[in-house]
C-alpha cells in the first residue's frame, strides 16, 4: 500500500464507477497499471465491495430510524441470523454502552417500523430514534490529503 493506492481508493470511494481512464488521468499512471493496482487492492481485501447509494425516499422509504437493543450475550446466536435476513435493516452494529446493538433501518411508514420494533423486542428492550434529516450522509473516509 503506497500513496498511489491510497489515491486510487479515495477516487473509488467518491465514485465507484470511475473508469480506468479517469483514474489514470488523476494519478498519471497508465490504465493497465491502474487495473493491476485495483485488482491487487481487491485481492488483498482493501476493496470489499462496490455499491450504488440509492435515494430511499424516492423509492418510498420515508422513515429512517436508529434502534438501540439491549441484547443478552446468550441471544446472539439467534439474533444474528434473524437480523441479517430483515431486508429493511441497513446496518447492525454491536456497540458498547447501555444497549448492545445499534440498528439502522428504513421503512415506508411508521406502522411498518412499529411492527418491526414489536418483533425485535423478543430479543430485549429497545430505544428508537427517528431521523429527521441527514446533514452528512454515509461517505468514505478521507484517506490522505493529496496535494494537487
N, C-alpha and C. Protein backbone atom coordinates (compact mmCIF):
# COMPACT_ATOMS: atom_id res chain seq x y z
N UNK A 1 0.86 -1.18 0.00
CA UNK A 1 0.00 0.00 0.00
C UNK A 1 0.90 1.23 0.00
N UNK A 2 0.78 2.01 -1.04
CA UNK A 2 1.54 3.25 -1.12
C UNK A 2 0.58 4.42 -1.34
N UNK A 3 1.15 5.62 -1.51
CA UNK A 3 0.32 6.82 -1.68
C UNK A 3 -0.57 6.73 -2.91
N UNK A 4 -0.09 6.08 -3.97
CA UNK A 4 -0.88 5.96 -5.18
C UNK A 4 -2.09 5.05 -4.95
N UNK A 5 -1.88 3.96 -4.20
CA UNK A 5 -3.00 3.09 -3.85
C UNK A 5 -4.04 3.85 -3.02
N UNK A 6 -3.57 4.66 -2.09
CA UNK A 6 -4.49 5.47 -1.28
C UNK A 6 -5.28 6.44 -2.15
N UNK A 7 -4.62 7.02 -3.13
CA UNK A 7 -5.32 7.95 -4.02
C UNK A 7 -6.36 7.21 -4.84
N UNK A 8 -6.03 6.02 -5.33
CA UNK A 8 -6.99 5.22 -6.09
C UNK A 8 -8.19 4.88 -5.22
N UNK A 9 -7.95 4.47 -3.98
CA UNK A 9 -9.05 4.17 -3.06
C UNK A 9 -9.92 5.39 -2.81
N UNK A 10 -9.29 6.54 -2.67
CA UNK A 10 -10.03 7.79 -2.45
C UNK A 10 -10.95 8.07 -3.65
N UNK A 11 -10.43 7.93 -4.84
CA UNK A 11 -11.22 8.17 -6.05
C UNK A 11 -12.39 7.20 -6.12
N UNK A 12 -12.14 5.92 -5.84
CA UNK A 12 -13.20 4.91 -5.92
C UNK A 12 -14.25 5.09 -4.83
N UNK A 13 -13.85 5.60 -3.67
CA UNK A 13 -14.85 5.89 -2.63
C UNK A 13 -15.80 6.98 -3.08
N UNK A 14 -15.28 7.96 -3.80
CA UNK A 14 -16.11 9.07 -4.26
C UNK A 14 -16.96 8.67 -5.46
N UNK A 15 -16.43 7.76 -6.30
CA UNK A 15 -17.16 7.32 -7.49
C UNK A 15 -16.69 5.92 -7.87
N UNK A 16 -17.41 4.92 -7.41
CA UNK A 16 -17.02 3.53 -7.69
C UNK A 16 -17.11 3.20 -9.17
N UNK A 17 -17.77 4.04 -9.94
CA UNK A 17 -17.89 3.81 -11.39
C UNK A 17 -16.84 4.58 -12.18
N UNK A 18 -15.89 5.19 -11.50
CA UNK A 18 -14.83 5.90 -12.23
C UNK A 18 -14.12 4.93 -13.16
N UNK A 19 -13.92 5.35 -14.39
CA UNK A 19 -13.27 4.48 -15.37
C UNK A 19 -11.77 4.43 -15.11
N UNK A 20 -11.14 3.41 -15.66
CA UNK A 20 -9.69 3.30 -15.55
C UNK A 20 -9.03 4.54 -16.15
N UNK A 21 -9.59 5.03 -17.24
CA UNK A 21 -9.04 6.22 -17.91
C UNK A 21 -9.14 7.44 -17.00
N UNK A 22 -10.28 7.59 -16.31
CA UNK A 22 -10.45 8.74 -15.40
C UNK A 22 -9.46 8.65 -14.23
N UNK A 23 -9.32 7.46 -13.67
CA UNK A 23 -8.38 7.28 -12.55
C UNK A 23 -6.95 7.52 -13.03
N UNK A 24 -6.64 7.01 -14.21
CA UNK A 24 -5.30 7.19 -14.77
C UNK A 24 -4.97 8.68 -14.95
N UNK A 25 -5.96 9.44 -15.40
CA UNK A 25 -5.70 10.88 -15.63
C UNK A 25 -5.46 11.62 -14.32
N UNK A 26 -6.06 11.14 -13.22
CA UNK A 26 -5.86 11.79 -11.92
C UNK A 26 -4.59 11.32 -11.22
N UNK A 27 -4.09 10.17 -11.61
CA UNK A 27 -2.91 9.61 -10.92
C UNK A 27 -1.65 9.64 -11.78
N UNK A 28 -1.82 9.95 -13.06
CA UNK A 28 -0.70 9.98 -14.02
C UNK A 28 -0.07 8.59 -14.21
N UNK A 29 -0.88 7.55 -14.00
CA UNK A 29 -0.46 6.18 -14.29
C UNK A 29 -1.21 5.71 -15.53
N UNK A 30 -0.75 4.64 -16.13
CA UNK A 30 -1.45 4.08 -17.29
C UNK A 30 -2.68 3.31 -16.84
N UNK A 31 -3.63 3.14 -17.74
CA UNK A 31 -4.83 2.36 -17.43
C UNK A 31 -4.49 0.93 -17.01
N UNK A 32 -3.55 0.23 -17.72
CA UNK A 32 -3.19 -1.11 -17.26
C UNK A 32 -2.59 -1.12 -15.85
N UNK A 33 -1.81 -0.10 -15.51
CA UNK A 33 -1.23 -0.02 -14.16
C UNK A 33 -2.34 0.17 -13.12
N UNK A 34 -3.33 1.00 -13.45
CA UNK A 34 -4.48 1.21 -12.55
C UNK A 34 -5.23 -0.10 -12.38
N UNK A 35 -5.49 -0.78 -13.47
CA UNK A 35 -6.21 -2.06 -13.43
C UNK A 35 -5.49 -3.06 -12.53
N UNK A 36 -4.18 -3.15 -12.66
CA UNK A 36 -3.39 -4.06 -11.82
C UNK A 36 -3.46 -3.67 -10.35
N UNK A 37 -3.37 -2.39 -10.08
CA UNK A 37 -3.43 -1.93 -8.69
C UNK A 37 -4.81 -2.20 -8.07
N UNK A 38 -5.87 -1.95 -8.84
CA UNK A 38 -7.22 -2.21 -8.33
C UNK A 38 -7.41 -3.70 -8.07
N UNK A 39 -6.94 -4.54 -8.97
CA UNK A 39 -7.04 -5.99 -8.78
C UNK A 39 -6.31 -6.42 -7.52
N UNK A 40 -5.15 -5.84 -7.28
CA UNK A 40 -4.37 -6.15 -6.07
C UNK A 40 -5.11 -5.67 -4.82
N UNK A 41 -5.69 -4.47 -4.87
CA UNK A 41 -6.43 -3.94 -3.73
C UNK A 41 -7.66 -4.80 -3.42
N UNK A 42 -8.30 -5.31 -4.46
CA UNK A 42 -9.43 -6.22 -4.26
C UNK A 42 -8.96 -7.54 -3.65
N UNK A 43 -7.91 -8.10 -4.21
CA UNK A 43 -7.39 -9.39 -3.73
C UNK A 43 -6.95 -9.32 -2.27
N UNK A 44 -6.34 -8.20 -1.89
CA UNK A 44 -5.84 -8.04 -0.52
C UNK A 44 -6.92 -7.57 0.45
N UNK A 45 -8.14 -7.36 -0.04
CA UNK A 45 -9.25 -7.02 0.83
C UNK A 45 -9.40 -5.55 1.17
N UNK A 46 -8.61 -4.68 0.53
CA UNK A 46 -8.78 -3.24 0.77
C UNK A 46 -10.06 -2.73 0.14
N UNK A 47 -10.44 -3.32 -0.98
CA UNK A 47 -11.73 -3.04 -1.59
C UNK A 47 -12.61 -4.24 -1.30
N UNK A 48 -13.64 -3.99 -0.53
CA UNK A 48 -14.51 -5.06 -0.06
C UNK A 48 -15.70 -5.29 -0.97
N UNK A 49 -16.25 -4.20 -1.52
CA UNK A 49 -17.47 -4.30 -2.29
C UNK A 49 -17.72 -3.00 -3.03
N UNK A 50 -18.38 -3.09 -4.16
CA UNK A 50 -18.81 -1.91 -4.91
C UNK A 50 -20.33 -1.81 -4.77
N UNK A 51 -20.82 -0.61 -4.45
CA UNK A 51 -22.26 -0.43 -4.24
C UNK A 51 -22.72 0.90 -4.83
N UNK A 52 -24.01 0.96 -5.12
CA UNK A 52 -24.63 2.23 -5.50
C UNK A 52 -25.45 2.72 -4.32
N UNK A 53 -25.36 4.00 -4.03
CA UNK A 53 -26.21 4.58 -2.98
C UNK A 53 -27.48 5.07 -3.65
N UNK A 54 -28.60 4.48 -3.27
CA UNK A 54 -29.88 4.84 -3.88
C UNK A 54 -30.63 5.81 -2.97
N UNK A 55 -31.53 6.57 -3.56
CA UNK A 55 -32.34 7.53 -2.82
C UNK A 55 -33.54 6.79 -2.25
N UNK A 56 -33.49 6.46 -0.97
CA UNK A 56 -34.54 5.67 -0.34
C UNK A 56 -35.89 6.39 -0.36
N UNK A 57 -35.90 7.70 -0.18
CA UNK A 57 -37.16 8.44 -0.19
C UNK A 57 -37.85 8.35 -1.55
N UNK A 58 -37.08 8.41 -2.63
CA UNK A 58 -37.67 8.28 -3.97
C UNK A 58 -38.26 6.89 -4.18
N UNK A 59 -37.73 5.91 -3.45
CA UNK A 59 -38.25 4.54 -3.53
C UNK A 59 -39.41 4.30 -2.58
N UNK A 60 -39.80 5.34 -1.82
CA UNK A 60 -40.94 5.22 -0.91
C UNK A 60 -40.60 4.89 0.53
N UNK A 61 -39.31 4.85 0.85
CA UNK A 61 -38.88 4.57 2.22
C UNK A 61 -38.64 5.91 2.93
N UNK A 62 -39.72 6.44 3.50
CA UNK A 62 -39.68 7.79 4.07
C UNK A 62 -39.21 7.83 5.52
N UNK A 63 -39.15 6.69 6.17
CA UNK A 63 -38.79 6.65 7.59
C UNK A 63 -37.44 5.95 7.75
N UNK A 64 -36.48 6.66 8.33
CA UNK A 64 -35.22 6.05 8.75
C UNK A 64 -35.15 6.18 10.25
N UNK A 65 -34.60 5.15 10.89
CA UNK A 65 -34.52 5.17 12.35
C UNK A 65 -33.28 4.42 12.81
N UNK A 66 -32.85 4.79 14.01
CA UNK A 66 -31.80 4.06 14.71
C UNK A 66 -32.48 3.41 15.92
N UNK A 67 -32.28 2.13 16.05
CA UNK A 67 -32.87 1.39 17.16
C UNK A 67 -31.74 0.81 18.00
N UNK A 68 -31.78 1.11 19.28
CA UNK A 68 -30.83 0.51 20.21
C UNK A 68 -31.53 -0.69 20.84
N UNK A 69 -30.80 -1.78 20.96
CA UNK A 69 -31.35 -3.01 21.51
C UNK A 69 -30.47 -3.52 22.62
N UNK A 70 -31.09 -3.84 23.75
CA UNK A 70 -30.37 -4.45 24.87
C UNK A 70 -30.47 -5.96 24.70
N UNK A 71 -29.43 -6.54 24.16
CA UNK A 71 -29.40 -7.97 23.82
C UNK A 71 -28.46 -8.69 24.78
N UNK A 72 -28.93 -9.76 25.39
CA UNK A 72 -28.04 -10.53 26.25
C UNK A 72 -27.12 -11.39 25.39
N UNK A 73 -25.88 -11.61 25.82
CA UNK A 73 -24.91 -12.35 25.01
C UNK A 73 -25.40 -13.73 24.57
N UNK A 74 -26.19 -14.41 25.39
CA UNK A 74 -26.64 -15.75 25.01
C UNK A 74 -27.69 -15.73 23.89
N UNK A 75 -28.21 -14.55 23.53
CA UNK A 75 -29.19 -14.45 22.46
C UNK A 75 -28.55 -14.18 21.09
N UNK A 76 -27.26 -13.90 21.07
CA UNK A 76 -26.60 -13.54 19.82
C UNK A 76 -26.72 -14.63 18.76
N UNK A 77 -26.65 -15.89 19.16
CA UNK A 77 -26.72 -16.98 18.18
C UNK A 77 -28.06 -17.02 17.47
N UNK A 78 -29.13 -16.57 18.11
CA UNK A 78 -30.44 -16.49 17.47
C UNK A 78 -30.66 -15.14 16.78
N UNK A 79 -30.12 -14.08 17.40
CA UNK A 79 -30.36 -12.72 16.89
C UNK A 79 -29.63 -12.47 15.57
N UNK A 80 -28.36 -12.85 15.47
CA UNK A 80 -27.58 -12.54 14.26
C UNK A 80 -28.21 -13.09 12.99
N UNK A 81 -28.63 -14.36 12.94
CA UNK A 81 -29.30 -14.83 11.71
C UNK A 81 -30.63 -14.11 11.45
N UNK A 82 -31.36 -13.81 12.52
CA UNK A 82 -32.63 -13.10 12.39
C UNK A 82 -32.41 -11.73 11.74
N UNK A 83 -31.52 -10.93 12.32
CA UNK A 83 -31.34 -9.54 11.88
C UNK A 83 -30.73 -9.47 10.49
N UNK A 84 -29.90 -10.44 10.15
CA UNK A 84 -29.26 -10.47 8.84
C UNK A 84 -30.29 -10.64 7.71
N UNK A 85 -31.41 -11.27 8.01
CA UNK A 85 -32.40 -11.55 6.98
C UNK A 85 -33.57 -10.56 6.97
N UNK A 86 -33.50 -9.50 7.76
CA UNK A 86 -34.54 -8.46 7.72
C UNK A 86 -34.12 -7.46 6.64
N UNK A 87 -34.85 -7.40 5.52
CA UNK A 87 -34.40 -6.57 4.40
C UNK A 87 -34.36 -5.07 4.68
N UNK A 88 -35.10 -4.58 5.65
CA UNK A 88 -35.13 -3.16 5.94
C UNK A 88 -34.00 -2.71 6.86
N UNK A 89 -33.20 -3.66 7.34
CA UNK A 89 -32.05 -3.32 8.17
C UNK A 89 -30.91 -2.90 7.25
N UNK A 90 -30.50 -1.65 7.38
CA UNK A 90 -29.41 -1.12 6.58
C UNK A 90 -28.06 -1.42 7.20
N UNK A 91 -28.05 -1.51 8.53
CA UNK A 91 -26.79 -1.71 9.25
C UNK A 91 -27.12 -2.20 10.65
N UNK A 92 -26.28 -3.06 11.18
CA UNK A 92 -26.43 -3.52 12.57
C UNK A 92 -25.04 -3.59 13.18
N UNK A 93 -24.87 -2.92 14.30
CA UNK A 93 -23.56 -2.84 14.96
C UNK A 93 -23.66 -3.30 16.40
N UNK A 94 -22.70 -4.09 16.83
CA UNK A 94 -22.55 -4.45 18.24
C UNK A 94 -21.73 -3.33 18.88
N UNK A 95 -22.30 -2.66 19.90
CA UNK A 95 -21.68 -1.46 20.45
C UNK A 95 -21.53 -1.55 21.97
N UNK A 96 -20.78 -0.62 22.52
CA UNK A 96 -20.65 -0.52 23.97
C UNK A 96 -21.73 0.40 24.51
N UNK A 97 -21.92 0.37 25.80
CA UNK A 97 -22.89 1.26 26.43
C UNK A 97 -24.07 0.51 27.01
N UNK A 98 -25.12 1.27 27.30
CA UNK A 98 -26.32 0.70 27.93
C UNK A 98 -26.99 -0.34 27.04
N UNK A 99 -26.98 -0.09 25.73
CA UNK A 99 -27.55 -1.02 24.76
C UNK A 99 -26.41 -1.70 24.01
N UNK A 100 -26.61 -2.94 23.61
CA UNK A 100 -25.52 -3.68 22.97
C UNK A 100 -25.57 -3.67 21.45
N UNK A 101 -26.71 -3.32 20.87
CA UNK A 101 -26.84 -3.29 19.42
C UNK A 101 -27.37 -1.94 18.97
N UNK A 102 -26.84 -1.44 17.87
CA UNK A 102 -27.33 -0.23 17.23
C UNK A 102 -27.70 -0.62 15.80
N UNK A 103 -28.99 -0.47 15.48
CA UNK A 103 -29.54 -0.94 14.22
C UNK A 103 -30.09 0.24 13.44
N UNK A 104 -29.67 0.38 12.19
CA UNK A 104 -30.19 1.43 11.31
C UNK A 104 -31.16 0.77 10.34
N UNK A 105 -32.38 1.31 10.26
CA UNK A 105 -33.42 0.73 9.42
C UNK A 105 -34.09 1.80 8.57
N UNK A 106 -34.79 1.36 7.53
CA UNK A 106 -35.60 2.25 6.71
C UNK A 106 -36.90 1.53 6.36
N UNK A 107 -38.01 2.25 6.53
CA UNK A 107 -39.34 1.70 6.26
C UNK A 107 -40.19 2.74 5.55
N UNK A 108 -41.17 2.30 4.78
CA UNK A 108 -42.07 3.26 4.13
C UNK A 108 -42.94 4.04 5.12
N UNK A 109 -43.36 3.38 6.21
CA UNK A 109 -44.28 4.03 7.15
C UNK A 109 -43.87 3.75 8.59
N UNK A 110 -44.38 4.57 9.50
CA UNK A 110 -44.12 4.34 10.93
C UNK A 110 -44.83 3.08 11.41
N UNK A 111 -45.93 2.72 10.77
CA UNK A 111 -46.64 1.50 11.14
C UNK A 111 -45.76 0.27 10.91
N UNK A 112 -45.09 0.24 9.76
CA UNK A 112 -44.19 -0.89 9.47
C UNK A 112 -42.98 -0.88 10.41
N UNK A 113 -42.48 0.30 10.73
CA UNK A 113 -41.39 0.41 11.69
C UNK A 113 -41.84 -0.12 13.05
N UNK A 114 -43.04 0.26 13.47
CA UNK A 114 -43.58 -0.19 14.75
C UNK A 114 -43.73 -1.72 14.79
N UNK A 115 -44.20 -2.29 13.69
CA UNK A 115 -44.31 -3.76 13.61
C UNK A 115 -42.95 -4.42 13.78
N UNK A 116 -41.93 -3.85 13.13
CA UNK A 116 -40.58 -4.41 13.26
C UNK A 116 -40.07 -4.30 14.70
N UNK A 117 -40.27 -3.14 15.31
CA UNK A 117 -39.82 -2.95 16.69
C UNK A 117 -40.51 -3.94 17.62
N UNK A 118 -41.82 -4.13 17.44
CA UNK A 118 -42.54 -5.11 18.26
C UNK A 118 -41.94 -6.51 18.11
N UNK A 119 -41.59 -6.89 16.89
CA UNK A 119 -40.96 -8.18 16.65
C UNK A 119 -39.56 -8.24 17.26
N UNK A 120 -38.83 -7.15 17.13
CA UNK A 120 -37.46 -7.06 17.65
C UNK A 120 -37.42 -7.20 19.17
N UNK A 121 -38.48 -6.79 19.85
CA UNK A 121 -38.49 -6.81 21.31
C UNK A 121 -38.49 -8.21 21.90
N UNK A 122 -38.62 -9.24 21.06
CA UNK A 122 -38.45 -10.60 21.56
C UNK A 122 -37.02 -10.82 22.04
N UNK A 123 -36.09 -9.95 21.57
CA UNK A 123 -34.69 -10.09 21.94
C UNK A 123 -34.28 -9.18 23.09
N UNK A 124 -35.12 -8.22 23.46
CA UNK A 124 -34.79 -7.34 24.57
C UNK A 124 -35.39 -5.96 24.43
N UNK A 125 -35.04 -5.11 25.38
CA UNK A 125 -35.54 -3.74 25.44
C UNK A 125 -34.99 -2.92 24.27
N UNK A 126 -35.84 -2.07 23.69
CA UNK A 126 -35.42 -1.21 22.58
C UNK A 126 -35.60 0.26 22.92
N UNK A 127 -34.84 1.08 22.21
CA UNK A 127 -34.97 2.54 22.28
C UNK A 127 -34.80 3.02 20.85
N UNK A 128 -35.77 3.78 20.35
CA UNK A 128 -35.78 4.16 18.93
C UNK A 128 -35.68 5.66 18.74
N UNK A 129 -34.88 6.05 17.76
CA UNK A 129 -34.78 7.45 17.35
C UNK A 129 -35.09 7.51 15.86
N UNK A 130 -36.08 8.33 15.49
CA UNK A 130 -36.42 8.51 14.07
C UNK A 130 -35.61 9.69 13.52
N UNK A 131 -35.07 9.50 12.33
CA UNK A 131 -34.22 10.51 11.70
C UNK A 131 -35.09 11.57 11.05
N UNK A 132 -34.82 12.85 11.37
CA UNK A 132 -35.50 13.97 10.71
C UNK A 132 -34.76 14.40 9.44
N UNK A 133 -33.42 14.47 9.55
CA UNK A 133 -32.61 14.85 8.39
C UNK A 133 -31.21 14.28 8.55
N UNK A 134 -30.46 14.29 7.46
CA UNK A 134 -29.11 13.73 7.47
C UNK A 134 -28.17 14.75 6.83
N UNK A 135 -27.61 15.65 7.64
CA UNK A 135 -26.73 16.68 7.08
C UNK A 135 -25.43 16.12 6.51
N UNK A 136 -24.98 14.97 7.01
CA UNK A 136 -23.79 14.32 6.47
C UNK A 136 -24.18 12.88 6.15
N UNK A 137 -24.39 12.56 4.87
CA UNK A 137 -24.77 11.19 4.53
C UNK A 137 -23.58 10.23 4.62
N UNK A 138 -23.85 8.95 4.52
CA UNK A 138 -22.79 7.96 4.52
C UNK A 138 -21.78 8.32 3.45
N UNK A 139 -20.53 8.28 3.81
CA UNK A 139 -19.47 8.66 2.87
C UNK A 139 -18.22 7.87 3.19
N UNK A 140 -17.28 7.92 2.30
CA UNK A 140 -16.00 7.27 2.54
C UNK A 140 -15.13 8.09 3.47
N UNK A 141 -14.11 7.47 3.95
CA UNK A 141 -13.15 8.12 4.83
C UNK A 141 -12.11 8.85 4.00
N UNK A 142 -11.74 10.05 4.39
CA UNK A 142 -10.65 10.75 3.70
C UNK A 142 -9.36 10.06 4.08
N UNK A 143 -8.71 9.47 3.09
CA UNK A 143 -7.53 8.65 3.34
C UNK A 143 -6.25 9.44 3.39
N UNK A 144 -6.23 10.58 2.69
CA UNK A 144 -5.00 11.36 2.65
C UNK A 144 -5.31 12.69 2.01
N UNK A 145 -4.59 13.72 2.41
CA UNK A 145 -4.70 15.00 1.73
C UNK A 145 -3.74 14.97 0.55
N UNK A 146 -4.30 14.91 -0.63
CA UNK A 146 -3.47 14.86 -1.83
C UNK A 146 -3.24 16.28 -2.33
N UNK A 147 -2.00 16.66 -2.38
CA UNK A 147 -1.65 17.99 -2.88
C UNK A 147 -1.73 17.95 -4.40
N UNK A 148 -2.62 18.73 -4.94
CA UNK A 148 -2.82 18.72 -6.39
C UNK A 148 -2.16 19.94 -6.99
